[in-house]
Amino acid sequence: MPPAKKRKTRATAEPVEEVEAAKAPEPAPEEEETPAPAETSAPPASDDAAAKAKERADRFNALKERRRNGTDKNMKAAALESQRLATDPNLLTSLNRKSAIAQHNLMKADAEASGEDFERKRAWDWTIDESERWDKRLKKKGAHRDDQAFQDYRQDSRKVYKRQIRDLKPDMDHYEQEKMAAVEKAAASGGLEIVETDDGELVAVDKDGTFYSTADSTGFVDNKPPKDAVDRLVKDLQQAEDARLKKRRERMGASEEGDITYINEKNKQFNNKLNRFYNKYTAEIRDSFERGTMI
């Protein structure tokens, strides 16, 4: 009988181990730990965007509210202005005056009904100085009202002069500037000496008596007025001339009749002078021209 074959246990064991090793899953490679993104980085960005969007929306709403308020105010102002223009100011003044007179009469009637002195009661609301100023104003107003009628040319000239003096407003700033410039110039030339008193006040002392003007001084002829003062003088003269011509037109407008044979006011005056002397000689010629029988 043939010899039995020996089992090769070692040779077969190694392939089995190799197969098992091949079948066994390979261990997963260790992944490098990467730092996880910070959880607080993404939310702040979204919060900032939301806050900015909310801020823009609030600003837009505020601008819309301002525009709405401005439109409402403009509409109210336009309505008030339209109402003011539609109202006659003279009528409004008359209504206010009538209301004040009615209130005054009502207070006077109440005082008389209660047996009180109305003037004495009303005087309690005013001080002595205010009462004196009011009485002086009423007296001046009455004298001015009585002085309106024409008396003579002298009184008329006096009224014009008083009105011009009342409207005259001295320029104190320009006066002080010219005064300081003159003092400095005189002090530099030696004609004026600046002396300081014990209390610190500066006093200008005229050495030779040439700085301060007297009745015989002629320094005013060297004064050169500023341009605005000259313009104001020209404007006043022009206004006076316009007022004079306006009154003349009003006087002559009532008696104006016939054809217009002039081109301006001066030409009209010249034609009137000619008519006074030559009308009696040219009346027949003009009538013939009007009838058409001259030729």
C-alpha atoms as a PDB file:
ATOM      1  CA  MET A   1       0.000   0.000   0.000  1.00  0.00           C
ATOM      2  CA  PRO A   2       1.431   3.251  -0.903  1.00  0.00           C
ATOM      3  CA  PRO A   3       2.644   5.457   1.851  1.00  0.00           C
ATOM      4  CA  ALA A   4       0.188   8.031   3.071  1.00  0.00           C
ATOM      5  CA  LYS A   5       0.760  11.579   2.064  1.00  0.00           C
ATOM      6  CA  LYS A   6       1.699  13.951   4.800  1.00  0.00           C
ATOM      7  CA  ARG A   7      -0.461  16.966   5.334  1.00  0.00           C
ATOM      8  CA  LYS A   8       1.341  20.165   4.827  1.00  0.00           C
ATOM      9  CA  THR A   9      -0.075  22.131   7.629  1.00  0.00           C
ATOM     10  CA  ARG A  10       2.446  24.948   7.718  1.00  0.00           C
ATOM     11  CA  ALA A  11       2.303  25.701   4.046  1.00  0.00           C
ATOM     12  CA  THR A  12      -1.431  25.881   4.002  1.00  0.00           C
ATOM     13  CA  ALA A  13      -1.654  27.858   7.231  1.00  0.00           C
ATOM     14  CA  GLU A  14       0.249  30.787   5.878  1.00  0.00           C
ATOM     15  CA  PRO A  15      -2.016  31.280   2.828  1.00  0.00           C
ATOM     16  CA  VAL A  16      -5.036  31.129   5.108  1.00  0.00           C
ATOM     17  CA  GLU A  17      -3.543  33.757   7.296  1.00  0.00           C
ATOM     18  CA  GLU A  18      -2.785  35.794   4.198  1.00  0.00           C
ATOM     19  CA  VAL A  19      -6.376  35.391   2.977  1.00  0.00           C
ATOM     20  CA  GLU A  20      -7.714  36.378   6.375  1.00  0.00           C
ATOM     21  CA  ALA A  21      -5.387  39.275   6.420  1.00  0.00           C
ATOM     22  CA  ALA A  22      -6.573  40.237   2.946  1.00  0.00           C
ATOM     23  CA  LYS A  23     -10.187  39.874   3.965  1.00  0.00           C
ATOM     24  CA  ALA A  24      -9.749  41.924   7.099  1.00  0.00           C
ATOM     25  CA  PRO A  25     -10.669  45.574   6.469  1.00  0.00           C
ATOM     26  CA  GLU A  26      -7.851  47.953   6.452  1.00  0.00           C
ATOM     27  CA  PRO A  27      -7.978  50.482   9.260  1.00  0.00           C
ATOM     28  CA  ALA A  28      -9.146  53.882   8.087  1.00  0.00           C
ATOM     29  CA  PRO A  29      -6.369  56.402   7.874  1.00  0.00           C
ATOM     30  CA  GLU A  30      -6.406  58.813  10.691  1.00  0.00           C
ATOM     31  CA  GLU A  31      -7.806  62.147   9.515  1.00  0.00           C
ATOM     32  CA  GLU A  32      -5.961  65.220  10.504  1.00  0.00           C
ATOM     33  CA  GLU A  33      -7.971  67.192  12.981  1.00  0.00           C
ATOM     34  CA  THR A  34      -8.857  70.500  11.403  1.00  0.00           C
ATOM     35  CA  PRO A  35      -9.965  73.277  13.713  1.00  0.00           C
ATOM     36  CA  ALA A  36     -13.704  73.668  13.496  1.00  0.00           C
ATOM     37  CA  PRO A  37     -14.808  77.116  12.450  1.00  0.00           C
ATOM     38  CA  ALA A  38     -15.706  79.290  15.335  1.00  0.00           C
ATOM     39  CA  GLU A  39     -19.405  79.195  15.936  1.00  0.00           C
ATOM     40  CA  THR A  40     -19.485  82.951  16.766  1.00  0.00           C
ATOM     41  CA  SER A  41     -18.060  84.145  13.376  1.00  0.00           C
ATOM     42  CA  ALA A  42     -21.129  83.620  11.140  1.00  0.00           C
ATOM     43  CA  PRO A  43     -23.901  84.955  13.434  1.00  0.00           C
ATOM     44  CA  PRO A  44     -22.323  88.432  13.981  1.00  0.00           C
ATOM     45  CA  ALA A  45     -22.172  89.024  10.216  1.00  0.00           C
ATOM     46  CA  SER A  46     -25.871  88.275   9.843  1.00  0.00           C
ATOM     47  CA  ASP A  47     -26.686  90.388  12.898  1.00  0.00           C
ATOM     48  CA  ASP A  48     -24.762  93.361  11.465  1.00  0.00           C
ATOM     49  CA  ALA A  49     -26.561  93.075   8.137  1.00  0.00           C
ATOM     50  CA  ALA A  50     -29.939  92.934   9.874  1.00  0.00           C
ATOM     51  CA  ALA A  51     -29.058  95.917  12.058  1.00  0.00           C
ATOM     52  CA  LYS A  52     -27.941  97.949   9.044  1.00  0.00           C
ATOM     53  CA  ALA A  53     -31.082  97.044   7.140  1.00  0.00           C
ATOM     54  CA  LYS A  54     -33.226  98.053  10.125  1.00  0.00           C
ATOM     55  CA  GLU A  55     -31.307 101.323  10.459  1.00  0.00           C
ATOM     56  CA  ARG A  56     -31.843 102.114   6.772  1.00  0.00           C
ATOM     57  CA  ALA A  57     -35.532 101.323   7.081  1.00  0.00           C
ATOM     58  CA  ASP A  58     -35.846 103.588  10.132  1.00  0.00           C
ATOM     59  CA  ARG A  59     -34.062 106.430   8.353  1.00  0.00           C
ATOM     60  CA  PHE A  60     -36.250 105.997   5.293  1.00  0.00           C
ATOM     61  CA  ASN A  61     -39.388 106.059   7.431  1.00  0.00           C
ATOM     62  CA  ALA A  62     -38.125 109.173   9.218  1.00  0.00           C
ATOM     63  CA  LEU A  63     -37.499 110.904   5.890  1.00  0.00           C
ATOM     64  CA  LYS A  64     -40.979 109.957   4.704  1.00  0.00           C
ATOM     65  CA  GLU A  65     -42.441 111.377   7.912  1.00  0.00           C
ATOM     66  CA  ARG A  66     -40.475 114.609   7.500  1.00  0.00           C
ATOM     67  CA  ARG A  67     -41.652 114.924   3.912  1.00  0.00           C
ATOM     68  CA  ARG A  68     -45.246 114.355   4.990  1.00  0.00           C
ATOM     69  CA  ASN A  69     -44.974 116.961   7.757  1.00  0.00           C
ATOM     70  CA  GLY A  70     -43.335 119.451   5.397  1.00  0.00           C
ATOM     71  CA  THR A  71     -46.072 118.954   2.820  1.00  0.00           C
ATOM     72  CA  ASP A  72     -48.771 119.487   5.440  1.00  0.00           C
ATOM     73  CA  LYS A  73     -47.101 122.648   6.745  1.00  0.00           C
ATOM     74  CA  ASN A  74     -46.669 124.010   3.232  1.00  0.00           C
ATOM     75  CA  MET A  75     -50.322 123.377   2.449  1.00  0.00           C
ATOM     76  CA  LYS A  76     -51.424 125.121   5.651  1.00  0.00           C
ATOM     77  CA  ALA A  77     -49.117 128.077   4.995  1.00  0.00           C
ATOM     78  CA  ALA A  78     -50.353 128.341   1.409  1.00  0.00           C
ATOM     79  CA  ALA A  79     -53.973 128.293   2.604  1.00  0.00           C
ATOM     80  CA  LEU A  80     -53.287 130.998   5.201  1.00  0.00           C
ATOM     81  CA  GLU A  81     -51.459 133.139   2.643  1.00  0.00           C
ATOM     82  CA  SER A  82     -54.285 132.736   0.147  1.00  0.00           C
ATOM     83  CA  GLN A  83     -56.789 133.702   2.828  1.00  0.00           C
ATOM     84  CA  ARG A  84     -54.690 136.710   3.820  1.00  0.00           C
ATOM     85  CA  LEU A  85     -54.438 137.900   0.218  1.00  0.00           C
ATOM     86  CA  ALA A  86     -58.160 137.429  -0.284  1.00  0.00           C
ATOM     87  CA  THR A  87     -58.914 139.526   2.814  1.00  0.00           C
ATOM     88  CA  ASP A  88     -58.977 143.277   2.374  1.00  0.00           C
ATOM     89  CA  PRO A  89     -56.449 144.790   4.851  1.00  0.00           C
ATOM     90  CA  ASN A  90     -58.465 147.982   5.105  1.00  0.00           C
ATOM     91  CA  LEU A  91     -61.556 145.981   6.018  1.00  0.00           C
ATOM     92  CA  LEU A  92     -59.600 144.004   8.613  1.00  0.00           C
ATOM     93  CA  THR A  93     -58.239 147.215  10.151  1.00  0.00           C
ATOM     94  CA  SER A  94     -61.716 148.702  10.224  1.00  0.00           C
ATOM     95  CA  LEU A  95     -63.120 145.606  11.942  1.00  0.00           C
ATOM     96  CA  ASN A  96     -60.357 145.678  14.567  1.00  0.00           C
ATOM     97  CA  ARG A  97     -60.997 149.357  15.213  1.00  0.00           C
ATOM     98  CA  LYS A  98     -64.736 148.788  15.553  1.00  0.00           C
ATOM     99  CA  SER A  99     -64.112 145.875  17.919  1.00  0.00           C
ATOM    100  CA  ALA A 100     -61.836 148.024  20.099  1.00  0.00           C
ATOM    101  CA  ILE A 101     -64.399 150.848  20.171  1.00  0.00           C
ATOM    102  CA  ALA A 102     -67.200 148.426  21.082  1.00  0.00           C
ATOM    103  CA  GLN A 103     -65.114 146.921  23.878  1.00  0.00           C
ATOM    104  CA  HIS A 104     -64.282 150.401  25.176  1.00  0.00           C
ATOM    105  CA  ASN A 105     -67.945 151.429  25.180  1.00  0.00           C
ATOM    106  CA  LEU A 106     -68.938 148.203  26.925  1.00  0.00           C
ATOM    107  CA  MET A 107     -66.377 148.727  29.698  1.00  0.00           C
ATOM    108  CA  LYS A 108     -67.498 152.334  30.060  1.00  0.00           C
ATOM    109  CA  ALA A 109     -71.156 151.297  30.340  1.00  0.00           C
ATOM    110  CA  ASP A 110     -70.311 148.679  32.968  1.00  0.00           C
ATOM    111  CA  ALA A 111     -68.350 151.227  35.000  1.00  0.00           C
ATOM    112  CA  GLU A 112     -71.169 153.768  34.845  1.00  0.00           C
ATOM    113  CA  ALA A 113     -73.722 151.114  35.811  1.00  0.00           C
ATOM    114  CA  SER A 114     -71.694 150.214  38.899  1.00  0.00           C
ATOM    115  CA  GLY A 115     -71.228 153.889  39.814  1.00  0.00           C
ATOM    116  CA  GLU A 116     -67.443 153.952  39.238  1.00  0.00           C
ATOM    117  CA  ASP A 117     -65.330 156.535  37.471  1.00  0.00           C
ATOM    118  CA  PHE A 118     -64.357 154.932  34.181  1.00  0.00           C
ATOM    119  CA  GLU A 119     -61.292 157.107  33.522  1.00  0.00           C
ATOM    120  CA  ARG A 120     -60.013 156.516  37.053  1.00  0.00           C
ATOM    121  CA  LYS A 121     -60.562 152.780  36.767  1.00  0.00           C
ATOM    122  CA  ARG A 122     -58.860 152.605  33.399  1.00  0.00           C
ATOM    123  CA  ALA A 123     -55.893 154.627  34.694  1.00  0.00           C
ATOM    124  CA  TRP A 124     -55.107 151.836  37.161  1.00  0.00           C
ATOM    125  CA  ASP A 125     -53.694 149.781  34.285  1.00  0.00           C
ATOM    126  CA  TRP A 126     -51.093 152.428  33.370  1.00  0.00           C
ATOM    127  CA  THR A 127     -48.108 153.928  35.136  1.00  0.00           C
ATOM    128  CA  ILE A 128     -47.612 157.674  35.540  1.00  0.00           C
ATOM    129  CA  ASP A 129     -44.884 157.757  32.891  1.00  0.00           C
ATOM    130  CA  GLU A 130     -47.031 155.846  30.403  1.00  0.00           C
ATOM    131  CA  SER A 131     -49.987 158.132  31.089  1.00  0.00           C
ATOM    132  CA  GLU A 132     -47.879 161.262  30.562  1.00  0.00           C
ATOM    133  CA  ARG A 133     -46.417 159.898  27.328  1.00  0.00           C
ATOM    134  CA  TRP A 134     -49.900 159.050  26.094  1.00  0.00           C
ATOM    135  CA  ASP A 135     -51.236 162.530  26.901  1.00  0.00           C
ATOM    136  CA  LYS A 136     -48.266 164.100  25.154  1.00  0.00           C
ATOM    137  CA  ARG A 137     -48.839 161.916  22.114  1.00  0.00           C
ATOM    138  CA  LEU A 138     -52.520 162.853  21.935  1.00  0.00           C
ATOM    139  CA  LYS A 139     -51.677 166.544  22.249  1.00  0.00           C
ATOM    140  CA  LYS A 140     -49.058 166.300  19.510  1.00  0.00           C
ATOM    141  CA  LYS A 141     -51.434 164.355  17.280  1.00  0.00           C
ATOM    142  CA  GLY A 142     -54.157 166.969  17.743  1.00  0.00           C
ATOM    143  CA  ALA A 143     -51.763 169.811  16.948  1.00  0.00           C
ATOM    144  CA  HIS A 144     -50.577 167.967  13.858  1.00  0.00           C
ATOM    145  CA  ARG A 145     -54.157 167.412  12.720  1.00  0.00           C
ATOM    146  CA  ASP A 146     -54.987 171.097  13.161  1.00  0.00           C
ATOM    147  CA  ASP A 147     -51.838 172.067  11.259  1.00  0.00           C
ATOM    148  CA  GLN A 148     -52.731 170.130   8.107  1.00  0.00           C
ATOM    149  CA  ALA A 149     -54.640 172.941   6.404  1.00  0.00           C
ATOM    150  CA  PHE A 150     -52.665 175.336   4.261  1.00  0.00           C
ATOM    151  CA  GLN A 151     -52.066 178.666   5.997  1.00  0.00           C
ATOM    152  CA  ASP A 152     -49.236 180.328   4.125  1.00  0.00           C
ATOM    153  CA  TYR A 153     -46.050 179.376   2.337  1.00  0.00           C
ATOM    154  CA  ARG A 154     -43.969 180.017   5.425  1.00  0.00           C
ATOM    155  CA  GLN A 155     -45.903 177.492   7.484  1.00  0.00           C
ATOM    156  CA  ASP A 156     -45.827 175.055   4.575  1.00  0.00           C
ATOM    157  CA  SER A 157     -42.038 175.353   4.367  1.00  0.00           C
ATOM    158  CA  ARG A 158     -41.812 174.838   8.126  1.00  0.00           C
ATOM    159  CA  LYS A 159     -43.799 171.598   7.889  1.00  0.00           C
ATOM    160  CA  VAL A 160     -41.602 170.345   5.068  1.00  0.00           C
ATOM    161  CA  TYR A 161     -38.477 171.190   7.055  1.00  0.00           C
ATOM    162  CA  LYS A 162     -39.758 169.424  10.174  1.00  0.00           C
ATOM    163  CA  ARG A 163     -40.621 166.342   8.126  1.00  0.00           C
ATOM    164  CA  GLN A 164     -37.157 166.267   6.586  1.00  0.00           C
ATOM    165  CA  ILE A 165     -35.505 166.680   9.983  1.00  0.00           C
ATOM    166  CA  ARG A 166     -37.667 163.893  11.390  1.00  0.00           C
ATOM    167  CA  ASP A 167     -36.616 161.564   8.584  1.00  0.00           C
ATOM    168  CA  LEU A 168     -32.936 162.486   8.932  1.00  0.00           C
ATOM    169  CA  LYS A 169     -30.968 159.689  10.575  1.00  0.00           C
ATOM    170  CA  PRO A 170     -27.380 160.636  11.490  1.00  0.00           C
ATOM    171  CA  ASP A 171     -24.705 158.026  10.829  1.00  0.00           C
ATOM    172  CA  MET A 172     -22.987 157.889  14.218  1.00  0.00           C
ATOM    173  CA  ASP A 173     -20.618 155.067  13.243  1.00  0.00           C
ATOM    174  CA  HIS A 174     -19.211 157.061  10.324  1.00  0.00           C
ATOM    175  CA  TYR A 175     -18.964 160.134  12.554  1.00  0.00           C
ATOM    176  CA  GLU A 176     -16.948 158.252  15.182  1.00  0.00           C
ATOM    177  CA  GLN A 177     -14.611 156.855  12.519  1.00  0.00           C
ATOM    178  CA  GLU A 178     -13.951 160.302  11.044  1.00  0.00           C
ATOM    179  CA  LYS A 179     -13.501 161.746  14.516  1.00  0.00           C
ATOM    180  CA  MET A 180     -10.892 159.149  15.521  1.00  0.00           C
ATOM    181  CA  ALA A 181      -9.073 159.586  12.199  1.00  0.00           C
ATOM    182  CA  ALA A 182      -8.965 163.377  12.686  1.00  0.00           C
ATOM    183  CA  VAL A 183      -7.715 163.011  16.270  1.00  0.00           C
ATOM    184  CA  GLU A 184      -4.963 160.590  15.236  1.00  0.00           C
ATOM    185  CA  LYS A 185      -3.909 162.847  12.366  1.00  0.00           C
ATOM    186  CA  ALA A 186      -3.810 165.919  14.607  1.00  0.00           C
ATOM    187  CA  ALA A 187      -1.888 164.039  17.303  1.00  0.00           C
ATOM    188  CA  ALA A 188       0.659 162.816  14.745  1.00  0.00           C
ATOM    189  CA  SER A 189       1.193 166.336  13.379  1.00  0.00           C
ATOM    190  CA  GLY A 190       1.623 167.804  16.848  1.00  0.00           C
ATOM    191  CA  GLY A 191      -1.426 170.048  16.823  1.00  0.00           C
ATOM    192  CA  LEU A 192      -3.208 167.906  19.394  1.00  0.00           C
ATOM    193  CA  GLU A 193      -1.845 166.344  22.543  1.00  0.00           C
ATOM    194  CA  ILE A 194      -3.373 163.295  24.210  1.00  0.00           C
ATOM    195  CA  VAL A 195      -3.198 163.640  28.009  1.00  0.00           C
ATOM    196  CA  GLU A 196      -4.126 160.901  30.465  1.00  0.00           C
ATOM    197  CA  THR A 197      -5.846 162.055  33.639  1.00  0.00           C
ATOM    198  CA  ASP A 198      -5.461 160.567  37.094  1.00  0.00           C
ATOM    199  CA  ASP A 199      -8.467 158.287  36.644  1.00  0.00           C
ATOM    200  CA  GLY A 200      -7.098 156.905  33.359  1.00  0.00           C
ATOM    201  CA  GLU A 201      -9.268 158.946  30.996  1.00  0.00           C
ATOM    202  CA  LEU A 202      -7.668 160.178  27.766  1.00  0.00           C
ATOM    203  CA  VAL A 203      -8.277 163.859  27.008  1.00  0.00           C
ATOM    204  CA  ALA A 204      -7.350 165.663  23.782  1.00  0.00           C
ATOM    205  CA  VAL A 205      -5.741 169.044  24.446  1.00  0.00           C
ATOM    206  CA  ASP A 206      -5.628 171.572  21.605  1.00  0.00           C
ATOM    207  CA  LYS A 207      -2.238 173.261  21.756  1.00  0.00           C
ATOM    208  CA  ASP A 208      -2.571 176.141  19.323  1.00  0.00           C
ATOM    209  CA  GLY A 209      -6.367 176.316  19.090  1.00  0.00           C
ATOM    210  CA  THR A 210      -6.621 175.098  15.507  1.00  0.00           C
ATOM    211  CA  PHE A 211      -8.195 171.678  16.002  1.00  0.00           C
ATOM    212  CA  TYR A 212     -11.557 172.491  17.544  1.00  0.00           C
ATOM    213  CA  SER A 213     -13.800 174.515  15.256  1.00  0.00           C
ATOM    214  CA  THR A 214     -15.130 177.943  16.155  1.00  0.00           C
ATOM    215  CA  ALA A 215     -17.501 180.405  14.516  1.00  0.00           C
ATOM    216  CA  ASP A 216     -14.679 181.563  12.239  1.00  0.00           C
ATOM    217  CA  SER A 217     -13.496 178.065  11.251  1.00  0.00           C
ATOM    218  CA  THR A 218     -13.708 177.006   7.614  1.00  0.00           C
ATOM    219  CA  GLY A 219     -12.594 173.402   7.951  1.00  0.00           C
ATOM    220  CA  PHE A 220     -16.017 172.121   7.001  1.00  0.00           C
ATOM    221  CA  VAL A 221     -15.358 173.044   3.359  1.00  0.00           C
ATOM    222  CA  ASP A 222     -12.733 170.301   3.163  1.00  0.00           C
ATOM    223  CA  ASN A 223     -15.168 167.602   4.215  1.00  0.00           C
ATOM    224  CA  LYS A 224     -15.931 165.017   1.549  1.00  0.00           C
ATOM    225  CA  PRO A 225     -19.215 163.166   2.133  1.00  0.00           C
ATOM    226  CA  PRO A 226     -19.333 159.417   1.434  1.00  0.00           C
ATOM    227  CA  LYS A 227     -20.919 158.073  -1.723  1.00  0.00           C
ATOM    228  CA  ASP A 228     -23.948 156.579   0.046  1.00  0.00           C
ATOM    229  CA  ALA A 229     -24.748 159.971   1.604  1.00  0.00           C
ATOM    230  CA  VAL A 230     -24.617 161.622  -1.823  1.00  0.00           C
ATOM    231  CA  ASP A 231     -26.851 158.903  -3.271  1.00  0.00           C
ATOM    232  CA  ARG A 232     -29.304 159.402  -0.418  1.00  0.00           C
ATOM    233  CA  LEU A 233     -29.398 163.162  -1.098  1.00  0.00           C
ATOM    234  CA  VAL A 234     -30.036 162.580  -4.810  1.00  0.00           C
ATOM    235  CA  LYS A 235     -32.802 160.120  -3.961  1.00  0.00           C
ATOM    236  CA  ASP A 236     -34.489 162.613  -1.612  1.00  0.00           C
ATOM    237  CA  LEU A 237     -34.344 165.363  -4.227  1.00  0.00           C
ATOM    238  CA  GLN A 238     -35.797 163.040  -6.852  1.00  0.00           C
ATOM    239  CA  GLN A 239     -38.626 162.034  -4.520  1.00  0.00           C
ATOM    240  CA  ALA A 240     -39.417 165.695  -3.792  1.00  0.00           C
ATOM    241  CA  GLU A 241     -39.471 166.473  -7.527  1.00  0.00           C
ATOM    242  CA  ASP A 242     -41.755 163.502  -8.213  1.00  0.00           C
ATOM    243  CA  ALA A 243     -44.139 164.581  -5.453  1.00  0.00           C
ATOM    244  CA  ARG A 244     -44.238 168.133  -6.808  1.00  0.00           C
ATOM    245  CA  LEU A 245     -44.977 166.957 -10.348  1.00  0.00           C
ATOM    246  CA  LYS A 246     -47.628 164.550  -9.082  1.00  0.00           C
ATOM    247  CA  LYS A 247     -49.473 167.334  -7.270  1.00  0.00           C
ATOM    248  CA  ARG A 248     -49.248 169.522 -10.352  1.00  0.00           C
ATOM    249  CA  ARG A 249     -50.694 166.763 -12.519  1.00  0.00           C
ATOM    250  CA  GLU A 250     -53.534 166.314 -10.056  1.00  0.00           C
ATOM    251  CA  ARG A 251     -54.304 170.025 -10.112  1.00  0.00           C
ATOM    252  CA  MET A 252     -54.149 170.294 -13.889  1.00  0.00           C
ATOM    253  CA  GLY A 253     -55.862 166.990 -14.589  1.00  0.00           C
ATOM    254  CA  ALA A 254     -59.255 168.257 -13.467  1.00  0.00           C
ATOM    255  CA  SER A 255     -59.209 171.152 -15.952  1.00  0.00           C
ATOM    256  CA  GLU A 256     -57.671 169.162 -18.811  1.00  0.00           C
ATOM    257  CA  GLU A 257     -59.889 169.039 -21.878  1.00  0.00           C
ATOM    258  CA  GLY A 258     -59.541 168.924 -25.643  1.00  0.00           C
ATOM    259  CA  ASP A 259     -56.924 167.172 -27.720  1.00  0.00           C
ATOM    260  CA  ILE A 260     -53.576 166.069 -26.335  1.00  0.00           C
ATOM    261  CA  THR A 261     -50.921 168.197 -28.020  1.00  0.00           C
ATOM    262  CA  TYR A 262     -47.948 167.389 -25.794  1.00  0.00           C
ATOM    263  CA  ILE A 263     -45.509 164.550 -25.326  1.00  0.00           C
ATOM    264  CA  ASN A 264     -44.541 165.104 -21.690  1.00  0.00           C
ATOM    265  CA  GLU A 265     -45.217 167.427 -18.774  1.00  0.00           C
ATOM    266  CA  LYS A 266     -42.601 170.005 -19.732  1.00  0.00           C
ATOM    267  CA  ASN A 267     -43.908 170.157 -23.296  1.00  0.00           C
ATOM    268  CA  LYS A 268     -47.431 170.588 -21.946  1.00  0.00           C
ATOM    269  CA  GLN A 269     -46.340 173.584 -19.864  1.00  0.00           C
ATOM    270  CA  PHE A 270     -44.606 175.119 -22.879  1.00  0.00           C
ATOM    271  CA  ASN A 271     -47.715 174.658 -25.032  1.00  0.00           C
ATOM    272  CA  ASN A 272     -49.869 176.289 -22.360  1.00  0.00           C
ATOM    273  CA  LYS A 273     -47.579 179.325 -22.331  1.00  0.00           C
ATOM    274  CA  LEU A 274     -47.811 179.578 -26.107  1.00  0.00           C
ATOM    275  CA  ASN A 275     -51.580 179.260 -25.984  1.00  0.00           C
ATOM    276  CA  ARG A 276     -51.886 182.151 -23.578  1.00  0.00           C
ATOM    277  CA  PHE A 277     -50.246 184.489 -26.097  1.00  0.00           C
ATOM    278  CA  TYR A 278     -51.147 183.078 -29.532  1.00  0.00           C
ATOM    279  CA  ASN A 279     -54.513 181.370 -29.122  1.00  0.00           C
ATOM    280  CA  LYS A 280     -56.431 184.465 -30.155  1.00  0.00           C
ATOM    281  CA  TYR A 281     -54.450 184.594 -33.422  1.00  0.00           C
ATOM    282  CA  THR A 282     -54.460 180.900 -34.296  1.00  0.00           C
ATOM    283  CA  ALA A 283     -58.007 179.984 -33.235  1.00  0.00           C
ATOM    284  CA  GLU A 284     -59.446 180.554 -36.736  1.00  0.00           C
ATOM    285  CA  ILE A 285     -56.665 178.579 -38.418  1.00  0.00           C
ATOM    286  CA  ARG A 286     -57.131 175.617 -36.071  1.00  0.00           C
ATOM    287  CA  ASP A 287     -60.884 175.648 -36.595  1.00  0.00           C
ATOM    288  CA  SER A 288     -60.342 175.590 -40.355  1.00  0.00           C
ATOM    289  CA  PHE A 289     -58.035 172.600 -40.020  1.00  0.00           C
ATOM    290  CA  GLU A 290     -60.644 170.757 -37.976  1.00  0.00           C
ATOM    291  CA  ARG A 291     -63.406 171.493 -40.525  1.00  0.00           C
ATOM    292  CA  GLY A 292     -61.164 170.571 -43.447  1.00  0.00           C
ATOM    293  CA  THR A 293     -61.746 173.867 -45.263  1.00  0.00           C
ATOM    294  CA  MET A 294     -58.204 175.144 -44.895  1.00  0.00           C
ATOM    295  CA  ILE A 295     -57.071 174.003 -48.347  1.00  0.00           C
END
